[in-house]
Amino acid sequence: MAAPTDVTAARRDPRNPRDPRPCSIADALALVGEKYALLVLREVCLGNGRFDQLVRNTGAPRDVLAARLRRLLDAGILTKRAYSERPQRFEYRPTRAGLELEPVLMSLMAWGDRHVRRGENRPMIVEHACGHELVPQVTCTACGDPVRHEDLTARPQAPGWDLSGPAPARTPGAAEPTAP
């Protein structure tokens, strides 16, 4: 996948108040957070990868859709293949990186069903290969337990940052602060 085009962690300066926290979420949203991008991915994952299908099913204006498709192609999230030579037309398909976003789409759909639609008039139900309705759940790969907010501990890895934001500047040679 191509590197994000917005400010990357290597160029962020914690001393500059305009530089936000280095964040993989922000980097991912720079690629898929634009309006219609996730809807395009939804449709392509459903097998609707032709331009006219994407226009119809996402509601995106044609010029905006073309821009999103270029961005998703450049990022390595989609590929395209010609299905017609005259006129030249393409069908878009998810790459491995694109398919890795499908669980994110399923989680967003479940969240929307619960918190926006409040369980009523759900426009789509997805079944798992086991034959049951998919209820996405994030689990820890090490222990298998469901991920819950109270079980998480964030450990910033970006130089110059701690949980509250930019870490205070240290005097050269000063001892590292100890945790209480």
N, C-alpha and C. Protein backbone atom coordinates (compact mmCIF):
# COMPACT_ATOMS: atom_id res chain seq x y z
N MET A 1 0.85 -1.18 0.00
CA MET A 1 0.00 0.00 0.00
C MET A 1 0.89 1.23 0.00
N ALA A 2 0.49 2.24 -0.70
CA ALA A 2 1.26 3.47 -0.77
C ALA A 2 1.22 4.20 0.57
N ALA A 3 2.26 4.96 0.83
CA ALA A 3 2.32 5.74 2.07
C ALA A 3 1.29 6.85 2.01
N PRO A 4 0.76 7.25 3.17
CA PRO A 4 -0.21 8.34 3.19
C PRO A 4 0.41 9.62 2.65
N THR A 5 -0.40 10.44 2.03
CA THR A 5 0.11 11.67 1.46
C THR A 5 0.01 12.84 2.42
N ASP A 6 -0.70 12.67 3.54
CA ASP A 6 -0.76 13.79 4.48
C ASP A 6 0.52 13.76 5.32
N VAL A 7 0.54 14.56 6.37
CA VAL A 7 1.71 14.63 7.22
C VAL A 7 1.98 13.25 7.81
N THR A 8 3.18 12.75 7.64
CA THR A 8 3.52 11.44 8.19
C THR A 8 4.25 11.59 9.50
N ALA A 9 4.33 10.49 10.24
CA ALA A 9 4.95 10.51 11.56
C ALA A 9 6.39 11.00 11.49
N ALA A 10 7.10 10.69 10.41
CA ALA A 10 8.49 11.09 10.30
C ALA A 10 8.64 12.60 10.21
N ARG A 11 7.63 13.31 9.73
CA ARG A 11 7.73 14.76 9.55
C ARG A 11 7.03 15.54 10.65
N ARG A 12 6.34 14.89 11.57
CA ARG A 12 5.64 15.60 12.62
C ARG A 12 6.62 16.04 13.69
N ASP A 13 6.41 17.24 14.18
CA ASP A 13 7.28 17.80 15.21
C ASP A 13 6.42 18.07 16.44
N PRO A 14 6.64 17.33 17.55
CA PRO A 14 5.80 17.52 18.74
C PRO A 14 5.91 18.92 19.33
N ARG A 15 6.96 19.67 18.99
CA ARG A 15 7.10 21.03 19.51
C ARG A 15 6.26 22.03 18.72
N ASN A 16 5.80 21.62 17.54
CA ASN A 16 4.98 22.50 16.71
C ASN A 16 3.51 22.26 17.06
N PRO A 17 2.83 23.26 17.63
CA PRO A 17 1.44 23.04 18.06
C PRO A 17 0.48 22.75 16.91
N ARG A 18 0.90 22.98 15.68
CA ARG A 18 0.04 22.68 14.53
C ARG A 18 0.18 21.24 14.05
N ASP A 19 1.20 20.54 14.50
CA ASP A 19 1.39 19.15 14.10
C ASP A 19 0.60 18.24 15.03
N PRO A 20 -0.36 17.50 14.50
CA PRO A 20 -1.16 16.62 15.35
C PRO A 20 -0.38 15.38 15.78
N ARG A 21 -0.96 14.65 16.71
CA ARG A 21 -0.37 13.42 17.20
C ARG A 21 -0.15 12.45 16.04
N PRO A 22 1.02 11.82 15.93
CA PRO A 22 1.20 10.76 14.93
C PRO A 22 0.20 9.65 15.22
N CYS A 23 -0.52 9.21 14.19
CA CYS A 23 -1.63 8.30 14.44
C CYS A 23 -1.95 7.49 13.20
N SER A 24 -1.95 6.17 13.35
CA SER A 24 -2.30 5.30 12.23
C SER A 24 -3.77 5.46 11.83
N ILE A 25 -4.62 5.84 12.76
CA ILE A 25 -6.03 6.08 12.43
C ILE A 25 -6.12 7.27 11.48
N ALA A 26 -5.42 8.36 11.81
CA ALA A 26 -5.42 9.53 10.94
C ALA A 26 -4.83 9.20 9.58
N ASP A 27 -3.78 8.41 9.57
CA ASP A 27 -3.16 8.02 8.29
C ASP A 27 -4.13 7.20 7.45
N ALA A 28 -4.85 6.27 8.09
CA ALA A 28 -5.82 5.45 7.35
C ALA A 28 -6.98 6.31 6.86
N LEU A 29 -7.44 7.23 7.69
CA LEU A 29 -8.54 8.10 7.28
C LEU A 29 -8.13 9.03 6.14
N ALA A 30 -6.85 9.36 6.04
CA ALA A 30 -6.38 10.16 4.91
C ALA A 30 -6.62 9.41 3.60
N LEU A 31 -6.67 8.10 3.66
CA LEU A 31 -6.90 7.29 2.46
C LEU A 31 -8.35 6.92 2.27
N VAL A 32 -9.04 6.56 3.34
CA VAL A 32 -10.41 6.04 3.18
C VAL A 32 -11.47 6.89 3.87
N GLY A 33 -11.07 8.02 4.44
CA GLY A 33 -12.02 8.84 5.18
C GLY A 33 -12.74 9.89 4.36
N GLU A 34 -12.37 10.04 3.10
CA GLU A 34 -13.05 11.01 2.26
C GLU A 34 -14.47 10.52 1.97
N LYS A 35 -15.37 11.46 1.79
CA LYS A 35 -16.76 11.12 1.51
C LYS A 35 -16.83 10.15 0.32
N TYR A 36 -17.60 9.12 0.47
CA TYR A 36 -17.87 8.07 -0.51
C TYR A 36 -16.80 6.98 -0.58
N ALA A 37 -15.61 7.19 -0.04
CA ALA A 37 -14.54 6.19 -0.18
C ALA A 37 -14.95 4.84 0.42
N LEU A 38 -15.47 4.82 1.63
CA LEU A 38 -15.87 3.55 2.24
C LEU A 38 -17.11 2.97 1.57
N LEU A 39 -17.96 3.83 1.02
CA LEU A 39 -19.12 3.32 0.29
C LEU A 39 -18.68 2.66 -1.01
N VAL A 40 -17.66 3.20 -1.65
CA VAL A 40 -17.10 2.57 -2.84
C VAL A 40 -16.55 1.20 -2.46
N LEU A 41 -15.81 1.15 -1.38
CA LEU A 41 -15.24 -0.13 -0.93
C LEU A 41 -16.35 -1.12 -0.58
N ARG A 42 -17.41 -0.64 0.07
CA ARG A 42 -18.56 -1.51 0.37
C ARG A 42 -19.08 -2.15 -0.91
N GLU A 43 -19.32 -1.32 -1.92
CA GLU A 43 -19.89 -1.84 -3.17
C GLU A 43 -18.95 -2.81 -3.87
N VAL A 44 -17.67 -2.47 -3.91
CA VAL A 44 -16.70 -3.35 -4.56
C VAL A 44 -16.63 -4.69 -3.82
N CYS A 45 -16.67 -4.66 -2.50
CA CYS A 45 -16.67 -5.91 -1.73
C CYS A 45 -17.95 -6.72 -1.96
N LEU A 46 -19.05 -6.04 -2.29
CA LEU A 46 -20.30 -6.74 -2.61
C LEU A 46 -20.32 -7.26 -4.04
N GLY A 47 -19.28 -6.93 -4.82
CA GLY A 47 -19.20 -7.39 -6.20
C GLY A 47 -19.72 -6.41 -7.23
N ASN A 48 -20.00 -5.18 -6.80
CA ASN A 48 -20.51 -4.14 -7.70
C ASN A 48 -19.38 -3.18 -8.04
N GLY A 49 -18.50 -3.59 -8.95
CA GLY A 49 -17.31 -2.82 -9.21
C GLY A 49 -17.30 -2.00 -10.48
N ARG A 50 -18.41 -1.97 -11.21
CA ARG A 50 -18.45 -1.16 -12.43
C ARG A 50 -18.87 0.27 -12.09
N PHE A 51 -18.32 1.20 -12.87
CA PHE A 51 -18.51 2.62 -12.57
C PHE A 51 -19.98 3.00 -12.42
N ASP A 52 -20.82 2.58 -13.36
CA ASP A 52 -22.24 2.95 -13.28
C ASP A 52 -22.91 2.35 -12.04
N GLN A 53 -22.51 1.14 -11.66
CA GLN A 53 -23.04 0.55 -10.43
C GLN A 53 -22.61 1.38 -9.22
N LEU A 54 -21.35 1.80 -9.23
CA LEU A 54 -20.84 2.58 -8.11
C LEU A 54 -21.53 3.93 -8.00
N VAL A 55 -21.78 4.57 -9.14
CA VAL A 55 -22.51 5.84 -9.13
C VAL A 55 -23.90 5.62 -8.54
N ARG A 56 -24.59 4.63 -9.03
CA ARG A 56 -25.96 4.36 -8.60
C ARG A 56 -26.04 3.99 -7.12
N ASN A 57 -25.17 3.09 -6.68
CA ASN A 57 -25.29 2.52 -5.34
C ASN A 57 -24.68 3.38 -4.23
N THR A 58 -23.77 4.30 -4.59
CA THR A 58 -23.19 5.17 -3.57
C THR A 58 -23.83 6.55 -3.56
N GLY A 59 -24.43 6.96 -4.69
CA GLY A 59 -24.97 8.31 -4.79
C GLY A 59 -23.90 9.36 -5.05
N ALA A 60 -22.68 8.93 -5.31
CA ALA A 60 -21.58 9.87 -5.53
C ALA A 60 -21.70 10.53 -6.90
N PRO A 61 -21.44 11.83 -6.98
CA PRO A 61 -21.34 12.47 -8.29
C PRO A 61 -20.21 11.81 -9.08
N ARG A 62 -20.35 11.74 -10.38
CA ARG A 62 -19.39 11.04 -11.24
C ARG A 62 -17.96 11.56 -11.07
N ASP A 63 -17.79 12.88 -11.00
CA ASP A 63 -16.43 13.43 -10.86
C ASP A 63 -15.83 13.09 -9.51
N VAL A 64 -16.63 13.13 -8.46
CA VAL A 64 -16.16 12.77 -7.12
C VAL A 64 -15.81 11.29 -7.08
N LEU A 65 -16.68 10.46 -7.67
CA LEU A 65 -16.41 9.03 -7.70
C LEU A 65 -15.11 8.73 -8.44
N ALA A 66 -14.88 9.38 -9.56
CA ALA A 66 -13.64 9.17 -10.32
C ALA A 66 -12.42 9.53 -9.46
N ALA A 67 -12.52 10.61 -8.71
CA ALA A 67 -11.41 11.01 -7.84
C ALA A 67 -11.19 9.99 -6.74
N ARG A 68 -12.28 9.48 -6.13
CA ARG A 68 -12.13 8.47 -5.07
C ARG A 68 -11.52 7.19 -5.62
N LEU A 69 -11.96 6.78 -6.80
CA LEU A 69 -11.41 5.57 -7.39
C LEU A 69 -9.91 5.73 -7.65
N ARG A 70 -9.50 6.88 -8.17
CA ARG A 70 -8.06 7.12 -8.40
C ARG A 70 -7.29 7.03 -7.10
N ARG A 71 -7.83 7.63 -6.05
CA ARG A 71 -7.16 7.64 -4.73
C ARG A 71 -7.06 6.22 -4.19
N LEU A 72 -8.12 5.45 -4.28
CA LEU A 72 -8.11 4.07 -3.77
C LEU A 72 -7.20 3.17 -4.61
N LEU A 73 -7.13 3.42 -5.90
CA LEU A 73 -6.18 2.69 -6.76
C LEU A 73 -4.74 3.04 -6.39
N ASP A 74 -4.46 4.33 -6.27
CA ASP A 74 -3.10 4.77 -5.93
C ASP A 74 -2.65 4.25 -4.58
N ALA A 75 -3.59 4.10 -3.65
CA ALA A 75 -3.27 3.63 -2.31
C ALA A 75 -3.13 2.10 -2.25
N GLY A 76 -3.46 1.42 -3.34
CA GLY A 76 -3.35 -0.03 -3.34
C GLY A 76 -4.52 -0.73 -2.66
N ILE A 77 -5.64 -0.04 -2.53
CA ILE A 77 -6.83 -0.60 -1.89
C ILE A 77 -7.72 -1.27 -2.93
N LEU A 78 -7.69 -0.75 -4.15
CA LEU A 78 -8.45 -1.32 -5.26
C LEU A 78 -7.51 -1.61 -6.43
N THR A 79 -7.94 -2.54 -7.27
CA THR A 79 -7.32 -2.74 -8.59
C THR A 79 -8.43 -2.57 -9.61
N LYS A 80 -8.03 -2.44 -10.88
CA LYS A 80 -9.05 -2.37 -11.92
C LYS A 80 -8.62 -3.27 -13.07
N ARG A 81 -9.62 -3.79 -13.76
CA ARG A 81 -9.36 -4.58 -14.96
C ARG A 81 -10.39 -4.19 -16.00
N ALA A 82 -9.96 -4.20 -17.23
CA ALA A 82 -10.85 -3.83 -18.33
C ALA A 82 -11.86 -4.96 -18.55
N TYR A 83 -13.11 -4.59 -18.73
CA TYR A 83 -14.11 -5.58 -19.10
C TYR A 83 -14.70 -5.26 -20.48
N SER A 84 -14.33 -4.10 -21.03
CA SER A 84 -14.77 -3.72 -22.37
C SER A 84 -13.67 -2.89 -23.01
N GLU A 85 -13.36 -3.19 -24.27
CA GLU A 85 -12.33 -2.44 -24.99
C GLU A 85 -12.91 -1.22 -25.68
N ARG A 86 -14.11 -1.37 -26.29
CA ARG A 86 -14.74 -0.25 -27.00
C ARG A 86 -16.19 -0.16 -26.60
N PRO A 87 -16.56 0.81 -25.83
CA PRO A 87 -15.70 1.78 -25.19
C PRO A 87 -14.91 1.12 -24.05
N GLN A 88 -13.77 1.70 -23.73
CA GLN A 88 -12.95 1.14 -22.66
C GLN A 88 -13.64 1.37 -21.32
N ARG A 89 -13.88 0.25 -20.64
CA ARG A 89 -14.54 0.31 -19.33
C ARG A 89 -13.83 -0.63 -18.38
N PHE A 90 -13.88 -0.26 -17.09
CA PHE A 90 -13.15 -1.02 -16.09
C PHE A 90 -14.07 -1.49 -14.98
N GLU A 91 -13.66 -2.56 -14.37
CA GLU A 91 -14.31 -3.06 -13.17
C GLU A 91 -13.28 -2.98 -12.04
N TYR A 92 -13.72 -2.53 -10.88
CA TYR A 92 -12.83 -2.35 -9.74
C TYR A 92 -13.04 -3.51 -8.76
N ARG A 93 -11.92 -3.94 -8.18
CA ARG A 93 -11.95 -5.04 -7.22
C ARG A 93 -11.05 -4.70 -6.04
N PRO A 94 -11.38 -5.24 -4.87
CA PRO A 94 -10.51 -4.97 -3.72
C PRO A 94 -9.21 -5.76 -3.81
N THR A 95 -8.13 -5.16 -3.36
CA THR A 95 -6.86 -5.85 -3.20
C THR A 95 -6.89 -6.54 -1.83
N ARG A 96 -5.81 -7.19 -1.48
CA ARG A 96 -5.72 -7.77 -0.13
C ARG A 96 -5.89 -6.68 0.93
N ALA A 97 -5.25 -5.52 0.69
CA ALA A 97 -5.39 -4.40 1.63
C ALA A 97 -6.84 -3.94 1.70
N GLY A 98 -7.52 -3.92 0.57
CA GLY A 98 -8.93 -3.54 0.56
C GLY A 98 -9.79 -4.53 1.33
N LEU A 99 -9.51 -5.82 1.13
CA LEU A 99 -10.28 -6.85 1.85
C LEU A 99 -10.02 -6.79 3.35
N GLU A 100 -8.84 -6.33 3.75
CA GLU A 100 -8.56 -6.18 5.18
C GLU A 100 -9.45 -5.11 5.81
N LEU A 101 -10.00 -4.22 5.00
CA LEU A 101 -10.91 -3.19 5.52
C LEU A 101 -12.35 -3.70 5.63
N GLU A 102 -12.66 -4.86 5.07
CA GLU A 102 -14.04 -5.36 5.12
C GLU A 102 -14.54 -5.55 6.55
N PRO A 103 -13.74 -6.08 7.49
CA PRO A 103 -14.23 -6.15 8.87
C PRO A 103 -14.53 -4.77 9.46
N VAL A 104 -13.80 -3.76 9.04
CA VAL A 104 -14.08 -2.39 9.49
C VAL A 104 -15.46 -1.97 8.99
N LEU A 105 -15.75 -2.27 7.72
CA LEU A 105 -17.06 -1.97 7.15
C LEU A 105 -18.17 -2.70 7.92
N MET A 106 -17.93 -3.96 8.24
CA MET A 106 -18.94 -4.75 8.97
C MET A 106 -19.16 -4.16 10.37
N SER A 107 -18.09 -3.73 11.02
CA SER A 107 -18.22 -3.11 12.34
C SER A 107 -18.95 -1.78 12.26
N LEU A 108 -18.66 -0.98 11.23
CA LEU A 108 -19.38 0.29 11.05
C LEU A 108 -20.86 0.04 10.79
N MET A 109 -21.15 -0.98 9.98
CA MET A 109 -22.54 -1.30 9.69
C MET A 109 -23.26 -1.72 10.98
N ALA A 110 -22.64 -2.56 11.79
CA ALA A 110 -23.26 -3.01 13.04
C ALA A 110 -23.47 -1.83 13.99
N TRP A 111 -22.47 -0.93 14.06
CA TRP A 111 -22.60 0.24 14.90
C TRP A 111 -23.76 1.11 14.42
N GLY A 112 -23.86 1.32 13.10
CA GLY A 112 -24.96 2.11 12.54
C GLY A 112 -26.31 1.47 12.81
N ASP A 113 -26.38 0.13 12.70
CA ASP A 113 -27.63 -0.57 13.00
C ASP A 113 -28.05 -0.34 14.45
N ARG A 114 -27.08 -0.39 15.38
CA ARG A 114 -27.40 -0.24 16.81
C ARG A 114 -27.67 1.20 17.21
N HIS A 115 -26.83 2.13 16.76
CA HIS A 115 -26.86 3.49 17.31
C HIS A 115 -27.54 4.52 16.41
N VAL A 116 -27.66 4.26 15.14
CA VAL A 116 -28.32 5.21 14.25
C VAL A 116 -29.73 4.71 13.92
N ARG A 117 -29.81 3.47 13.49
CA ARG A 117 -31.12 2.91 13.14
C ARG A 117 -31.83 2.31 14.35
N ARG A 118 -31.13 2.17 15.43
CA ARG A 118 -31.67 1.61 16.68
C ARG A 118 -32.32 0.25 16.47
N GLY A 119 -31.71 -0.54 15.58
CA GLY A 119 -32.17 -1.90 15.33
C GLY A 119 -33.38 -2.02 14.41
N GLU A 120 -33.89 -0.90 13.93
CA GLU A 120 -35.09 -0.92 13.09
C GLU A 120 -34.73 -0.70 11.62
N ASN A 121 -35.47 -1.35 10.74
CA ASN A 121 -35.32 -1.15 9.30
C ASN A 121 -33.88 -1.28 8.81
N ARG A 122 -33.21 -2.33 9.26
CA ARG A 122 -31.83 -2.56 8.83
C ARG A 122 -31.82 -2.84 7.33
N PRO A 123 -31.02 -2.09 6.56
CA PRO A 123 -31.04 -2.25 5.11
C PRO A 123 -30.32 -3.50 4.61
N MET A 124 -29.46 -4.10 5.44
CA MET A 124 -28.74 -5.28 4.99
C MET A 124 -28.34 -6.13 6.19
N ILE A 125 -28.41 -7.42 6.00
CA ILE A 125 -27.89 -8.37 6.99
C ILE A 125 -26.84 -9.20 6.27
N VAL A 126 -25.71 -9.39 6.91
CA VAL A 126 -24.63 -10.19 6.33
C VAL A 126 -24.55 -11.49 7.10
N GLU A 127 -24.54 -12.59 6.35
CA GLU A 127 -24.40 -13.91 6.97
C GLU A 127 -22.98 -14.40 6.82
N HIS A 128 -22.50 -15.07 7.85
CA HIS A 128 -21.19 -15.71 7.83
C HIS A 128 -21.32 -17.05 7.12
N ALA A 129 -20.20 -17.64 6.72
CA ALA A 129 -20.22 -18.94 6.03
C ALA A 129 -20.85 -20.03 6.90
N CYS A 130 -20.90 -19.83 8.22
CA CYS A 130 -21.50 -20.82 9.11
C CYS A 130 -23.02 -20.82 9.02
N GLY A 131 -23.59 -19.82 8.30
CA GLY A 131 -25.03 -19.74 8.13
C GLY A 131 -25.73 -18.81 9.10
N HIS A 132 -24.99 -18.25 10.04
CA HIS A 132 -25.59 -17.33 11.01
C HIS A 132 -25.29 -15.89 10.62
N GLU A 133 -26.13 -15.00 11.14
CA GLU A 133 -25.91 -13.58 10.92
C GLU A 133 -24.58 -13.17 11.53
N LEU A 134 -23.81 -12.39 10.79
CA LEU A 134 -22.53 -11.92 11.29
C LEU A 134 -22.76 -10.82 12.33
N VAL A 135 -22.17 -11.00 13.48
CA VAL A 135 -22.13 -9.98 14.52
C VAL A 135 -20.65 -9.75 14.77
N PRO A 136 -20.08 -8.70 14.17
CA PRO A 136 -18.63 -8.51 14.29
C PRO A 136 -18.23 -8.21 15.73
N GLN A 137 -17.08 -8.77 16.11
CA GLN A 137 -16.55 -8.55 17.44
C GLN A 137 -15.04 -8.56 17.33
N VAL A 138 -14.40 -7.55 17.89
CA VAL A 138 -12.94 -7.49 17.90
C VAL A 138 -12.46 -8.28 19.11
N THR A 139 -11.53 -9.18 18.87
CA THR A 139 -10.96 -9.97 19.96
C THR A 139 -9.45 -9.85 19.95
N CYS A 140 -8.85 -10.11 21.09
CA CYS A 140 -7.39 -10.13 21.22
C CYS A 140 -6.88 -11.42 20.59
N THR A 141 -5.93 -11.32 19.68
CA THR A 141 -5.41 -12.53 19.04
C THR A 141 -4.60 -13.38 20.01
N ALA A 142 -4.07 -12.80 21.08
CA ALA A 142 -3.27 -13.56 22.04
C ALA A 142 -4.13 -14.40 22.97
N CYS A 143 -5.21 -13.81 23.52
CA CYS A 143 -6.01 -14.54 24.52
C CYS A 143 -7.41 -14.89 24.04
N GLY A 144 -7.88 -14.25 22.94
CA GLY A 144 -9.20 -14.53 22.42
C GLY A 144 -10.32 -13.77 23.10
N ASP A 145 -10.01 -12.98 24.12
CA ASP A 145 -11.04 -12.22 24.82
C ASP A 145 -11.54 -11.06 23.95
N PRO A 146 -12.83 -10.71 24.11
CA PRO A 146 -13.34 -9.52 23.41
C PRO A 146 -12.60 -8.27 23.88
N VAL A 147 -12.42 -7.33 22.97
CA VAL A 147 -11.76 -6.07 23.31
C VAL A 147 -12.77 -5.15 23.98
N ARG A 148 -12.42 -4.70 25.18
CA ARG A 148 -13.25 -3.75 25.92
C ARG A 148 -12.37 -2.57 26.31
N HIS A 149 -12.94 -1.38 26.32
CA HIS A 149 -12.19 -0.17 26.62
C HIS A 149 -11.39 -0.31 27.92
N GLU A 150 -12.01 -0.83 28.96
CA GLU A 150 -11.36 -0.89 30.26
C GLU A 150 -10.18 -1.87 30.31
N ASP A 151 -10.03 -2.69 29.29
CA ASP A 151 -8.92 -3.65 29.26
C ASP A 151 -7.74 -3.15 28.43
N LEU A 152 -7.83 -1.96 27.88
CA LEU A 152 -6.80 -1.46 26.97
C LEU A 152 -5.84 -0.49 27.66
N THR A 153 -4.59 -0.54 27.27
CA THR A 153 -3.57 0.40 27.73
C THR A 153 -2.81 0.89 26.50
N ALA A 154 -2.90 2.16 26.22
CA ALA A 154 -2.19 2.75 25.08
C ALA A 154 -0.76 3.05 25.49
N ARG A 155 0.18 2.76 24.60
CA ARG A 155 1.59 3.03 24.84
C ARG A 155 2.16 3.77 23.62
N PRO A 156 2.16 5.11 23.68
CA PRO A 156 2.66 5.89 22.55
C PRO A 156 4.08 5.47 22.17
N GLN A 157 4.31 5.32 20.88
CA GLN A 157 5.62 4.92 20.36
C GLN A 157 6.31 6.04 19.60
N ALA A 158 5.58 7.07 19.25
CA ALA A 158 6.14 8.17 18.48
C ALA A 158 7.05 9.02 19.38
N PRO A 159 8.27 9.27 18.92
CA PRO A 159 9.19 10.08 19.73
C PRO A 159 8.60 11.45 20.03
N GLY A 160 8.74 11.86 21.28
CA GLY A 160 8.29 13.19 21.69
C GLY A 160 6.83 13.27 22.08
N TRP A 161 6.11 12.13 22.14
CA TRP A 161 4.69 12.13 22.47
C TRP A 161 4.42 11.20 23.64
N ASP A 162 3.47 11.61 24.49
CA ASP A 162 2.94 10.72 25.51
C ASP A 162 1.42 10.72 25.38
N LEU A 163 0.72 10.09 26.30
CA LEU A 163 -0.73 9.97 26.18
C LEU A 163 -1.45 11.31 26.12
N SER A 164 -0.96 12.30 26.83
CA SER A 164 -1.67 13.58 26.88
C SER A 164 -1.30 14.50 25.72
N GLY A 165 -0.29 14.14 24.94
CA GLY A 165 0.12 14.98 23.82
C GLY A 165 1.63 15.04 23.74
N PRO A 166 2.16 16.16 23.23
CA PRO A 166 3.62 16.27 23.16
C PRO A 166 4.23 16.15 24.55
N ALA A 167 5.25 15.31 24.67
CA ALA A 167 5.93 15.13 25.95
C ALA A 167 6.72 16.39 26.28
N PRO A 168 6.82 16.72 27.56
CA PRO A 168 7.62 17.89 27.94
C PRO A 168 9.06 17.71 27.48
N ALA A 169 9.69 18.81 27.06
CA ALA A 169 11.08 18.75 26.64
C ALA A 169 11.95 18.35 27.83
N ARG A 170 12.92 17.49 27.57
CA ARG A 170 13.82 17.04 28.64
C ARG A 170 15.16 17.76 28.53
N THR A 171 15.73 18.06 29.65
CA THR A 171 17.06 18.65 29.67
C THR A 171 18.07 17.56 29.39
N PRO A 172 19.02 17.78 28.47
CA PRO A 172 20.02 16.74 28.18
C PRO A 172 20.74 16.33 29.45
N GLY A 173 20.85 15.03 29.66
CA GLY A 173 21.53 14.48 30.82
C GLY A 173 20.63 14.32 32.03
N ALA A 174 19.40 14.82 31.97
CA ALA A 174 18.49 14.70 33.12
C ALA A 174 17.96 13.27 33.19
N ALA A 175 17.67 12.84 34.38
CA ALA A 175 17.14 11.48 34.59
C ALA A 175 15.74 11.38 34.01
N GLU A 176 15.41 10.18 33.52
CA GLU A 176 14.07 9.92 33.00
C GLU A 176 13.07 10.02 34.15
N PRO A 177 11.90 10.59 33.91
CA PRO A 177 10.88 10.64 34.96
C PRO A 177 10.41 9.22 35.27
N THR A 178 10.07 8.98 36.52
CA THR A 178 9.56 7.66 36.92
C THR A 178 8.07 7.73 37.07
N ALA A 179 7.46 6.60 36.80
CA ALA A 179 6.00 6.51 36.93
C ALA A 179 5.63 6.44 38.40
N PRO A 180 4.51 7.03 38.79
CA PRO A 180 4.08 6.99 40.20
C PRO A 180 3.71 5.59 40.62
